Amino acid sequence: LGGIGDYLAEQIMKKSDIECRVTTLGHVQRGARPTANDRILASAFGVHAVDLLARGKFNRMVAWQNRRVVDVAIDDAVNTYKVVDQNEGLVDTAFALGIYIGTT
């Protein structure tokens, strides 16, 4: 997007006391070009996140639950321990690819 992330981070820092860092993941991180659904979901997350900021709601994380964009307290999100089901079909694929999923 031509550096828009850097520009937005700079503007946010100028107008608030919030430190911003930019991370550009690119297609390599995901493994493929974004689909239309990826773009729609990213836009919905962005709109919700900006709305939270505009309403002065901080320490919240945007999430997708029950086919809806919601926000949850970051503390709640990081304090919830979710175990990967070892019988899940893609676990073997992850192991074969050398992906660590929290097991020994």
PDB file of N, CA and C in Angstrom:
ATOM      1  N   LEU A   1       0.817  -1.203   0.000  1.00  0.00           N
ATOM      2  CA  LEU A   1       0.000   0.000   0.000  1.00  0.00           C
ATOM      3  C   LEU A   1       0.855   1.259   0.000  1.00  0.00           C
ATOM      4  N   GLY A   2       2.095   1.138  -0.341  1.00  0.00           N
ATOM      5  CA  GLY A   2       2.931   2.322  -0.485  1.00  0.00           C
ATOM      6  C   GLY A   2       3.317   3.001   0.811  1.00  0.00           C
ATOM      7  N   GLY A   3       3.396   2.270   1.907  1.00  0.00           N
ATOM      8  CA  GLY A   3       3.832   2.866   3.164  1.00  0.00           C
ATOM      9  C   GLY A   3       2.728   3.458   4.013  1.00  0.00           C
ATOM     10  N   ILE A   4       1.484   3.122   3.713  1.00  0.00           N
ATOM     11  CA  ILE A   4       0.373   3.693   4.471  1.00  0.00           C
ATOM     12  C   ILE A   4       0.434   3.296   5.944  1.00  0.00           C
ATOM     13  N   GLY A   5       0.943   2.105   6.236  1.00  0.00           N
ATOM     14  CA  GLY A   5       1.061   1.672   7.630  1.00  0.00           C
ATOM     15  C   GLY A   5       1.960   2.588   8.429  1.00  0.00           C
ATOM     16  N   ASP A   6       3.098   2.961   7.832  1.00  0.00           N
ATOM     17  CA  ASP A   6       4.017   3.883   8.507  1.00  0.00           C
ATOM     18  C   ASP A   6       3.360   5.243   8.720  1.00  0.00           C
ATOM     19  N   TYR A   7       2.644   5.714   7.699  1.00  0.00           N
ATOM     20  CA  TYR A   7       1.969   7.008   7.796  1.00  0.00           C
ATOM     21  C   TYR A   7       0.914   6.980   8.908  1.00  0.00           C
ATOM     22  N   LEU A   8       0.089   5.922   8.925  1.00  0.00           N
ATOM     23  CA  LEU A   8      -0.960   5.831   9.942  1.00  0.00           C
ATOM     24  C   LEU A   8      -0.377   5.735  11.345  1.00  0.00           C
ATOM     25  N   ALA A   9       0.676   4.947  11.493  1.00  0.00           N
ATOM     26  CA  ALA A   9       1.312   4.829  12.809  1.00  0.00           C
ATOM     27  C   ALA A   9       1.815   6.186  13.284  1.00  0.00           C
ATOM     28  N   GLU A  10       2.417   6.927  12.382  1.00  0.00           N
ATOM     29  CA  GLU A  10       2.927   8.261  12.730  1.00  0.00           C
ATOM     30  C   GLU A  10       1.788   9.184  13.158  1.00  0.00           C
ATOM     31  N   GLN A  11       0.672   9.153  12.419  1.00  0.00           N
ATOM     32  CA  GLN A  11      -0.470  10.004  12.745  1.00  0.00           C
ATOM     33  C   GLN A  11      -1.091   9.617  14.089  1.00  0.00           C
ATOM     34  N   ILE A  12      -1.196   8.324  14.335  1.00  0.00           N
ATOM     35  CA  ILE A  12      -1.761   7.860  15.609  1.00  0.00           C
ATOM     36  C   ILE A  12      -0.888   8.318  16.771  1.00  0.00           C
ATOM     37  N   MET A  13       0.431   8.203  16.609  1.00  0.00           N
ATOM     38  CA  MET A  13       1.341   8.615  17.689  1.00  0.00           C
ATOM     39  C   MET A  13       1.293  10.121  17.915  1.00  0.00           C
ATOM     40  N   LYS A  14       1.119  10.892  16.832  1.00  0.00           N
ATOM     41  CA  LYS A  14       1.043  12.350  16.972  1.00  0.00           C
ATOM     42  C   LYS A  14      -0.211  12.776  17.726  1.00  0.00           C
ATOM     43  N   LYS A  15      -1.313  12.069  17.509  1.00  0.00           N
ATOM     44  CA  LYS A  15      -2.598  12.499  18.052  1.00  0.00           C
ATOM     45  C   LYS A  15      -3.005  11.770  19.328  1.00  0.00           C
ATOM     46  N   SER A  16      -2.136  10.894  19.809  1.00  0.00           N
ATOM     47  CA  SER A  16      -2.461  10.158  21.033  1.00  0.00           C
ATOM     48  C   SER A  16      -1.169   9.836  21.775  1.00  0.00           C
ATOM     49  N   ASP A  17      -1.324   9.223  22.899  1.00  0.00           N
ATOM     50  CA  ASP A  17      -0.164   8.767  23.673  1.00  0.00           C
ATOM     51  C   ASP A  17       0.117   7.294  23.411  1.00  0.00           C
ATOM     52  N   ILE A  18      -0.354   6.802  22.280  1.00  0.00           N
ATOM     53  CA  ILE A  18      -0.227   5.384  21.967  1.00  0.00           C
ATOM     54  C   ILE A  18       0.994   5.149  21.091  1.00  0.00           C
ATOM     55  N   GLU A  19       1.882   4.256  21.549  1.00  0.00           N
ATOM     56  CA  GLU A  19       3.032   3.877  20.736  1.00  0.00           C
ATOM     57  C   GLU A  19       2.549   2.908  19.661  1.00  0.00           C
ATOM     58  N   CYS A  20       2.943   3.145  18.433  1.00  0.00           N
ATOM     59  CA  CYS A  20       2.535   2.286  17.322  1.00  0.00           C
ATOM     60  C   CYS A  20       3.752   1.694  16.641  1.00  0.00           C
ATOM     61  N   ARG A  21       3.629   0.446  16.269  1.00  0.00           N
ATOM     62  CA  ARG A  21       4.676  -0.232  15.504  1.00  0.00           C
ATOM     63  C   ARG A  21       4.032  -0.843  14.277  1.00  0.00           C
ATOM     64  N   VAL A  22       4.727  -0.782  13.177  1.00  0.00           N
ATOM     65  CA  VAL A  22       4.197  -1.292  11.916  1.00  0.00           C
ATOM     66  C   VAL A  22       4.859  -2.624  11.594  1.00  0.00           C
ATOM     67  N   THR A  23       4.043  -3.586  11.226  1.00  0.00           N
ATOM     68  CA  THR A  23       4.548  -4.872  10.760  1.00  0.00           C
ATOM     69  C   THR A  23       3.923  -5.156   9.407  1.00  0.00           C
ATOM     70  N   THR A  24       4.747  -5.353   8.405  1.00  0.00           N
ATOM     71  CA  THR A  24       4.264  -5.677   7.075  1.00  0.00           C
ATOM     72  C   THR A  24       4.554  -7.151   6.822  1.00  0.00           C
ATOM     73  N   LEU A  25       3.522  -7.954   6.854  1.00  0.00           N
ATOM     74  CA  LEU A  25       3.711  -9.392   6.712  1.00  0.00           C
ATOM     75  C   LEU A  25       3.838  -9.821   5.251  1.00  0.00           C
ATOM     76  N   GLY A  26       3.027  -9.251   4.410  1.00  0.00           N
ATOM     77  CA  GLY A  26       3.100  -9.601   2.997  1.00  0.00           C
ATOM     78  C   GLY A  26       2.527 -10.975   2.704  1.00  0.00           C
ATOM     79  N   HIS A  27       2.546 -11.320   1.426  1.00  0.00           N
ATOM     80  CA  HIS A  27       1.987 -12.599   0.984  1.00  0.00           C
ATOM     81  C   HIS A  27       2.802 -13.780   1.486  1.00  0.00           C
ATOM     82  N   VAL A  28       4.088 -13.583   1.712  1.00  0.00           N
ATOM     83  CA  VAL A  28       4.950 -14.680   2.137  1.00  0.00           C
ATOM     84  C   VAL A  28       4.488 -15.252   3.468  1.00  0.00           C
ATOM     85  N   GLN A  29       4.067 -14.396   4.392  1.00  0.00           N
ATOM     86  CA  GLN A  29       3.635 -14.851   5.713  1.00  0.00           C
ATOM     87  C   GLN A  29       2.430 -15.771   5.614  1.00  0.00           C
ATOM     88  N   ARG A  30       1.486 -15.412   4.793  1.00  0.00           N
ATOM     89  CA  ARG A  30       0.257 -16.188   4.674  1.00  0.00           C
ATOM     90  C   ARG A  30       0.451 -17.386   3.757  1.00  0.00           C
ATOM     91  N   GLY A  31       1.295 -17.252   2.774  1.00  0.00           N
ATOM     92  CA  GLY A  31       1.543 -18.340   1.848  1.00  0.00           C
ATOM     93  C   GLY A  31       0.809 -18.196   0.534  1.00  0.00           C
ATOM     94  N   ALA A  32      -0.021 -17.191   0.404  1.00  0.00           N
ATOM     95  CA  ALA A  32      -0.768 -16.991  -0.840  1.00  0.00           C
ATOM     96  C   ALA A  32      -1.315 -15.572  -0.868  1.00  0.00           C
ATOM     97  N   ARG A  33      -1.802 -15.204  -2.019  1.00  0.00           N
ATOM     98  CA  ARG A  33      -2.438 -13.886  -2.134  1.00  0.00           C
ATOM     99  C   ARG A  33      -3.732 -13.882  -1.319  1.00  0.00           C
ATOM    100  N   PRO A  34      -4.081 -12.739  -0.743  1.00  0.00           N
ATOM    101  CA  PRO A  34      -5.329 -12.662   0.019  1.00  0.00           C
ATOM    102  C   PRO A  34      -6.539 -12.915  -0.879  1.00  0.00           C
ATOM    103  N   THR A  35      -7.509 -13.619  -0.351  1.00  0.00           N
ATOM    104  CA  THR A  35      -8.758 -13.834  -1.073  1.00  0.00           C
ATOM    105  C   THR A  35      -9.695 -12.661  -0.786  1.00  0.00           C
ATOM    106  N   ALA A  36     -10.821 -12.639  -1.487  1.00  0.00           N
ATOM    107  CA  ALA A  36     -11.816 -11.594  -1.237  1.00  0.00           C
ATOM    108  C   ALA A  36     -12.290 -11.655   0.212  1.00  0.00           C
ATOM    109  N   ASN A  37     -12.476 -12.862   0.730  1.00  0.00           N
ATOM    110  CA  ASN A  37     -12.906 -13.001   2.133  1.00  0.00           C
ATOM    111  C   ASN A  37     -11.854 -12.477   3.098  1.00  0.00           C
ATOM    112  N   ASP A  38     -10.576 -12.709   2.793  1.00  0.00           N
ATOM    113  CA  ASP A  38      -9.506 -12.179   3.641  1.00  0.00           C
ATOM    114  C   ASP A  38      -9.590 -10.663   3.706  1.00  0.00           C
ATOM    115  N   ARG A  39      -9.795 -10.045   2.563  1.00  0.00           N
ATOM    116  CA  ARG A  39      -9.853  -8.576   2.497  1.00  0.00           C
ATOM    117  C   ARG A  39     -11.070  -8.030   3.238  1.00  0.00           C
ATOM    118  N   ILE A  40     -12.196  -8.704   3.085  1.00  0.00           N
ATOM    119  CA  ILE A  40     -13.413  -8.266   3.776  1.00  0.00           C
ATOM    120  C   ILE A  40     -13.235  -8.391   5.286  1.00  0.00           C
ATOM    121  N   LEU A  41     -12.697  -9.526   5.738  1.00  0.00           N
ATOM    122  CA  LEU A  41     -12.487  -9.726   7.172  1.00  0.00           C
ATOM    123  C   LEU A  41     -11.501  -8.700   7.728  1.00  0.00           C
ATOM    124  N   ALA A  42     -10.416  -8.450   7.001  1.00  0.00           N
ATOM    125  CA  ALA A  42      -9.436  -7.454   7.447  1.00  0.00           C
ATOM    126  C   ALA A  42     -10.078  -6.074   7.554  1.00  0.00           C
ATOM    127  N   SER A  43     -10.918  -5.733   6.593  1.00  0.00           N
ATOM    128  CA  SER A  43     -11.604  -4.434   6.632  1.00  0.00           C
ATOM    129  C   SER A  43     -12.549  -4.356   7.821  1.00  0.00           C
ATOM    130  N   ALA A  44     -13.290  -5.433   8.065  1.00  0.00           N
ATOM    131  CA  ALA A  44     -14.220  -5.451   9.199  1.00  0.00           C
ATOM    132  C   ALA A  44     -13.464  -5.324  10.519  1.00  0.00           C
ATOM    133  N   PHE A  45     -12.326  -6.028  10.641  1.00  0.00           N
ATOM    134  CA  PHE A  45     -11.507  -5.909  11.847  1.00  0.00           C
ATOM    135  C   PHE A  45     -11.004  -4.480  12.009  1.00  0.00           C
ATOM    136  N   GLY A  46     -10.534  -3.890  10.924  1.00  0.00           N
ATOM    137  CA  GLY A  46     -10.005  -2.527  10.982  1.00  0.00           C
ATOM    138  C   GLY A  46     -11.054  -1.518  11.403  1.00  0.00           C
ATOM    139  N   VAL A  47     -12.243  -1.619  10.819  1.00  0.00           N
ATOM    140  CA  VAL A  47     -13.332  -0.700  11.168  1.00  0.00           C
ATOM    141  C   VAL A  47     -13.680  -0.837  12.646  1.00  0.00           C
ATOM    142  N   HIS A  48     -13.778  -2.063  13.119  1.00  0.00           N
ATOM    143  CA  HIS A  48     -14.130  -2.289  14.529  1.00  0.00           C
ATOM    144  C   HIS A  48     -13.039  -1.748  15.456  1.00  0.00           C
ATOM    145  N   ALA A  49     -11.780  -1.976  15.092  1.00  0.00           N
ATOM    146  CA  ALA A  49     -10.666  -1.503  15.926  1.00  0.00           C
ATOM    147  C   ALA A  49     -10.646   0.019  16.009  1.00  0.00           C
ATOM    148  N   VAL A  50     -10.854   0.682  14.883  1.00  0.00           N
ATOM    149  CA  VAL A  50     -10.864   2.154  14.878  1.00  0.00           C
ATOM    150  C   VAL A  50     -12.058   2.671  15.673  1.00  0.00           C
ATOM    151  N   ASP A  51     -13.195   1.993  15.564  1.00  0.00           N
ATOM    152  CA  ASP A  51     -14.370   2.388  16.341  1.00  0.00           C
ATOM    153  C   ASP A  51     -14.086   2.283  17.841  1.00  0.00           C
ATOM    154  N   LEU A  52     -13.402   1.223  18.248  1.00  0.00           N
ATOM    155  CA  LEU A  52     -13.035   1.079  19.663  1.00  0.00           C
ATOM    156  C   LEU A  52     -12.171   2.254  20.116  1.00  0.00           C
ATOM    157  N   LEU A  53     -11.186   2.599  19.303  1.00  0.00           N
ATOM    158  CA  LEU A  53     -10.312   3.732  19.649  1.00  0.00           C
ATOM    159  C   LEU A  53     -11.101   5.027  19.750  1.00  0.00           C
ATOM    160  N   ALA A  54     -12.003   5.244  18.793  1.00  0.00           N
ATOM    161  CA  ALA A  54     -12.800   6.476  18.779  1.00  0.00           C
ATOM    162  C   ALA A  54     -13.675   6.585  20.024  1.00  0.00           C
ATOM    163  N   ARG A  55     -14.104   5.436  20.547  1.00  0.00           N
ATOM    164  CA  ARG A  55     -14.938   5.426  21.753  1.00  0.00           C
ATOM    165  C   ARG A  55     -14.114   5.369  23.033  1.00  0.00           C
ATOM    166  N   GLY A  56     -12.784   5.425  22.888  1.00  0.00           N
ATOM    167  CA  GLY A  56     -11.919   5.417  24.063  1.00  0.00           C
ATOM    168  C   GLY A  56     -11.809   4.068  24.745  1.00  0.00           C
ATOM    169  N   LYS A  57     -12.103   3.009  24.009  1.00  0.00           N
ATOM    170  CA  LYS A  57     -12.013   1.653  24.571  1.00  0.00           C
ATOM    171  C   LYS A  57     -10.654   1.076  24.213  1.00  0.00           C
ATOM    172  N   PHE A  58      -9.809   0.924  25.221  1.00  0.00           N
ATOM    173  CA  PHE A  58      -8.452   0.434  25.006  1.00  0.00           C
ATOM    174  C   PHE A  58      -8.288  -0.944  25.647  1.00  0.00           C
ATOM    175  N   ASN A  59      -7.159  -1.566  25.383  1.00  0.00           N
ATOM    176  CA  ASN A  59      -6.852  -2.900  25.908  1.00  0.00           C
ATOM    177  C   ASN A  59      -7.886  -3.932  25.484  1.00  0.00           C
ATOM    178  N   ARG A  60      -8.358  -3.779  24.256  1.00  0.00           N
ATOM    179  CA  ARG A  60      -9.319  -4.701  23.667  1.00  0.00           C
ATOM    180  C   ARG A  60      -8.687  -5.324  22.428  1.00  0.00           C
ATOM    181  N   MET A  61      -9.135  -6.505  22.069  1.00  0.00           N
ATOM    182  CA  MET A  61      -8.661  -7.195  20.881  1.00  0.00           C
ATOM    183  C   MET A  61      -9.860  -7.524  20.004  1.00  0.00           C
ATOM    184  N   VAL A  62      -9.724  -7.288  18.714  1.00  0.00           N
ATOM    185  CA  VAL A  62     -10.791  -7.610  17.777  1.00  0.00           C
ATOM    186  C   VAL A  62     -10.695  -9.099  17.443  1.00  0.00           C
ATOM    187  N   ALA A  63     -11.848  -9.756  17.390  1.00  0.00           N
ATOM    188  CA  ALA A  63     -11.879 -11.199  17.125  1.00  0.00           C
ATOM    189  C   ALA A  63     -13.092 -11.548  16.265  1.00  0.00           C
ATOM    190  N   TRP A  64     -13.099 -12.770  15.768  1.00  0.00           N
ATOM    191  CA  TRP A  64     -14.210 -13.300  14.976  1.00  0.00           C
ATOM    192  C   TRP A  64     -14.839 -14.431  15.784  1.00  0.00           C
ATOM    193  N   GLN A  65     -16.093 -14.231  16.206  1.00  0.00           N
ATOM    194  CA  GLN A  65     -16.796 -15.251  16.983  1.00  0.00           C
ATOM    195  C   GLN A  65     -18.220 -15.384  16.474  1.00  0.00           C
ATOM    196  N   ASN A  66     -18.628 -16.617  16.247  1.00  0.00           N
ATOM    197  CA  ASN A  66     -20.009 -16.887  15.819  1.00  0.00           C
ATOM    198  C   ASN A  66     -20.419 -16.043  14.617  1.00  0.00           C
ATOM    199  N   ARG A  67     -19.514 -15.977  13.657  1.00  0.00           N
ATOM    200  CA  ARG A  67     -19.752 -15.256  12.392  1.00  0.00           C
ATOM    201  C   ARG A  67     -19.967 -13.752  12.594  1.00  0.00           C
ATOM    202  N   ARG A  68     -19.360 -13.193  13.638  1.00  0.00           N
ATOM    203  CA  ARG A  68     -19.465 -11.758  13.923  1.00  0.00           C
ATOM    204  C   ARG A  68     -18.124 -11.216  14.380  1.00  0.00           C
ATOM    205  N   VAL A  69     -17.877  -9.941  14.072  1.00  0.00           N
ATOM    206  CA  VAL A  69     -16.701  -9.255  14.593  1.00  0.00           C
ATOM    207  C   VAL A  69     -17.053  -8.767  15.989  1.00  0.00           C
ATOM    208  N   VAL A  70     -16.241  -9.134  16.948  1.00  0.00           N
ATOM    209  CA  VAL A  70     -16.458  -8.748  18.342  1.00  0.00           C
ATOM    210  C   VAL A  70     -15.143  -8.223  18.901  1.00  0.00           C
ATOM    211  N   ASP A  71     -15.207  -7.686  20.108  1.00  0.00           N
ATOM    212  CA  ASP A  71     -13.972  -7.322  20.791  1.00  0.00           C
ATOM    213  C   ASP A  71     -13.983  -7.958  22.170  1.00  0.00           C
ATOM    214  N   VAL A  72     -12.802  -8.333  22.604  1.00  0.00           N
ATOM    215  CA  VAL A  72     -12.642  -8.963  23.914  1.00  0.00           C
ATOM    216  C   VAL A  72     -11.483  -8.286  24.628  1.00  0.00           C
ATOM    217  N   ALA A  73     -11.505  -8.348  25.943  1.00  0.00           N
ATOM    218  CA  ALA A  73     -10.397  -7.801  26.721  1.00  0.00           C
ATOM    219  C   ALA A  73      -9.135  -8.589  26.394  1.00  0.00           C
ATOM    220  N   ILE A  74      -8.038  -7.895  26.164  1.00  0.00           N
ATOM    221  CA  ILE A  74      -6.782  -8.578  25.848  1.00  0.00           C
ATOM    222  C   ILE A  74      -6.409  -9.534  26.976  1.00  0.00           C
ATOM    223  N   ASP A  75      -6.624  -9.125  28.219  1.00  0.00           N
ATOM    224  CA  ASP A  75      -6.316 -10.008  29.354  1.00  0.00           C
ATOM    225  C   ASP A  75      -7.086 -11.321  29.260  1.00  0.00           C
ATOM    226  N   ASP A  76      -8.365 -11.249  28.879  1.00  0.00           N
ATOM    227  CA  ASP A  76      -9.162 -12.470  28.733  1.00  0.00           C
ATOM    228  C   ASP A  76      -8.621 -13.339  27.602  1.00  0.00           C
ATOM    229  N   ALA A  77      -8.223 -12.697  26.518  1.00  0.00           N
ATOM    230  CA  ALA A  77      -7.731 -13.442  25.355  1.00  0.00           C
ATOM    231  C   ALA A  77      -6.436 -14.178  25.666  1.00  0.00           C
ATOM    232  N   VAL A  78      -5.515 -13.540  26.355  1.00  0.00           N
ATOM    233  CA  VAL A  78      -4.215 -14.174  26.606  1.00  0.00           C
ATOM    234  C   VAL A  78      -4.242 -15.113  27.810  1.00  0.00           C
ATOM    235  N   ASN A  79      -5.260 -15.001  28.648  1.00  0.00           N
ATOM    236  CA  ASN A  79      -5.352 -15.888  29.809  1.00  0.00           C
ATOM    237  C   ASN A  79      -6.137 -17.162  29.521  1.00  0.00           C
ATOM    238  N   THR A  80      -6.701 -17.259  28.322  1.00  0.00           N
ATOM    239  CA  THR A  80      -7.440 -18.452  27.935  1.00  0.00           C
ATOM    240  C   THR A  80      -6.486 -19.409  27.243  1.00  0.00           C
ATOM    241  N   TYR A  81      -6.362 -20.598  27.772  1.00  0.00           N
ATOM    242  CA  TYR A  81      -5.456 -21.600  27.228  1.00  0.00           C
ATOM    243  C   TYR A  81      -6.256 -22.532  26.335  1.00  0.00           C
ATOM    244  N   LYS A  82      -5.922 -22.561  25.061  1.00  0.00           N
ATOM    245  CA  LYS A  82      -6.636 -23.409  24.112  1.00  0.00           C
ATOM    246  C   LYS A  82      -5.706 -24.518  23.652  1.00  0.00           C
ATOM    247  N   VAL A  83      -6.112 -25.741  23.873  1.00  0.00           N
ATOM    248  CA  VAL A  83      -5.293 -26.898  23.542  1.00  0.00           C
ATOM    249  C   VAL A  83      -5.612 -27.362  22.122  1.00  0.00           C
ATOM    250  N   VAL A  84      -4.579 -27.736  21.390  1.00  0.00           N
ATOM    251  CA  VAL A  84      -4.763 -28.277  20.052  1.00  0.00           C
ATOM    252  C   VAL A  84      -5.132 -29.751  20.184  1.00  0.00           C
ATOM    253  N   ASP A  85      -6.212 -30.144  19.538  1.00  0.00           N
ATOM    254  CA  ASP A  85      -6.632 -31.540  19.543  1.00  0.00           C
ATOM    255  C   ASP A  85      -5.644 -32.349  18.706  1.00  0.00           C
ATOM    256  N   GLN A  86      -4.932 -33.258  19.351  1.00  0.00           N
ATOM    257  CA  GLN A  86      -3.908 -34.052  18.662  1.00  0.00           C
ATOM    258  C   GLN A  86      -4.499 -34.969  17.594  1.00  0.00           C
ATOM    259  N   ASN A  87      -5.806 -35.192  17.637  1.00  0.00           N
ATOM    260  CA  ASN A  87      -6.460 -36.036  16.640  1.00  0.00           C
ATOM    261  C   ASN A  87      -6.984 -35.241  15.455  1.00  0.00           C
ATOM    262  N   GLU A  88      -6.819 -33.930  15.497  1.00  0.00           N
ATOM    263  CA  GLU A  88      -7.234 -33.074  14.386  1.00  0.00           C
ATOM    264  C   GLU A  88      -6.471 -33.497  13.139  1.00  0.00           C
ATOM    265  N   GLY A  89      -7.161 -33.565  12.028  1.00  0.00           N
ATOM    266  CA  GLY A  89      -6.574 -34.058  10.788  1.00  0.00           C
ATOM    267  C   GLY A  89      -5.336 -33.327  10.314  1.00  0.00           C
ATOM    268  N   LEU A  90      -5.253 -32.032  10.550  1.00  0.00           N
ATOM    269  CA  LEU A  90      -4.115 -31.272  10.032  1.00  0.00           C
ATOM    270  C   LEU A  90      -2.910 -31.271  10.966  1.00  0.00           C
ATOM    271  N   VAL A  91      -3.037 -31.872  12.144  1.00  0.00           N
ATOM    272  CA  VAL A  91      -1.905 -31.918  13.069  1.00  0.00           C
ATOM    273  C   VAL A  91      -0.751 -32.706  12.460  1.00  0.00           C
ATOM    274  N   ASP A  92      -1.053 -33.837  11.838  1.00  0.00           N
ATOM    275  CA  ASP A  92      -0.002 -34.627  11.180  1.00  0.00           C
ATOM    276  C   ASP A  92       0.684 -33.820  10.087  1.00  0.00           C
ATOM    277  N   THR A  93      -0.092 -33.046   9.354  1.00  0.00           N
ATOM    278  CA  THR A  93       0.482 -32.199   8.305  1.00  0.00           C
ATOM    279  C   THR A  93       1.406 -31.159   8.918  1.00  0.00           C
ATOM    280  N   ALA A  94       0.971 -30.558  10.012  1.00  0.00           N
ATOM    281  CA  ALA A  94       1.803 -29.553  10.682  1.00  0.00           C
ATOM    282  C   ALA A  94       3.123 -30.165  11.135  1.00  0.00           C
ATOM    283  N   PHE A  95       3.060 -31.330  11.753  1.00  0.00           N
ATOM    284  CA  PHE A  95       4.291 -32.009  12.193  1.00  0.00           C
ATOM    285  C   PHE A  95       5.207 -32.296  11.011  1.00  0.00           C
ATOM    286  N   ALA A  96       4.632 -32.791   9.917  1.00  0.00           N
ATOM    287  CA  ALA A  96       5.428 -33.127   8.731  1.00  0.00           C
ATOM    288  C   ALA A  96       6.125 -31.899   8.157  1.00  0.00           C
ATOM    289  N   LEU A  97       5.500 -30.742   8.325  1.00  0.00           N
ATOM    290  CA  LEU A  97       6.088 -29.491   7.830  1.00  0.00           C
ATOM    291  C   LEU A  97       7.025 -28.850   8.845  1.00  0.00           C
ATOM    292  N   GLY A  98       7.150 -29.470  10.018  1.00  0.00           N
ATOM    293  CA  GLY A  98       8.035 -28.926  11.038  1.00  0.00           C
ATOM    294  C   GLY A  98       7.427 -27.779  11.818  1.00  0.00           C
ATOM    295  N   ILE A  99       6.108 -27.682  11.816  1.00  0.00           N
ATOM    296  CA  ILE A  99       5.423 -26.607  12.536  1.00  0.00           C
ATOM    297  C   ILE A  99       5.225 -27.030  13.985  1.00  0.00           C
ATOM    298  N   TYR A 100       5.655 -26.190  14.895  1.00  0.00           N
ATOM    299  CA  TYR A 100       5.520 -26.445  16.327  1.00  0.00           C
ATOM    300  C   TYR A 100       4.153 -25.963  16.785  1.00  0.00           C
ATOM    301  N   ILE A 101       3.393 -26.828  17.420  1.00  0.00           N
ATOM    302  CA  ILE A 101       2.055 -26.443  17.874  1.00  0.00           C
ATOM    303  C   ILE A 101       1.889 -26.609  19.379  1.00  0.00           C
ATOM    304  N   GLY A 102       3.009 -26.541  20.089  1.00  0.00           N
ATOM    305  CA  GLY A 102       2.931 -26.566  21.540  1.00  0.00           C
ATOM    306  C   GLY A 102       3.066 -27.929  22.164  1.00  0.00           C
ATOM    307  N   THR A 103       3.453 -28.908  21.401  1.00  0.00           N
ATOM    308  CA  THR A 103       3.662 -30.240  21.959  1.00  0.00           C
ATOM    309  C   THR A 103       5.151 -30.534  21.998  1.00  0.00           C
ATOM    310  N   THR A 104       5.514 -31.579  22.703  1.00  0.00           N
ATOM    311  CA  THR A 104       6.932 -31.941  22.771  1.00  0.00           C
ATOM    312  C   THR A 104       7.249 -33.081  21.840  1.00  0.00           C
TER     313      THR A 104
END
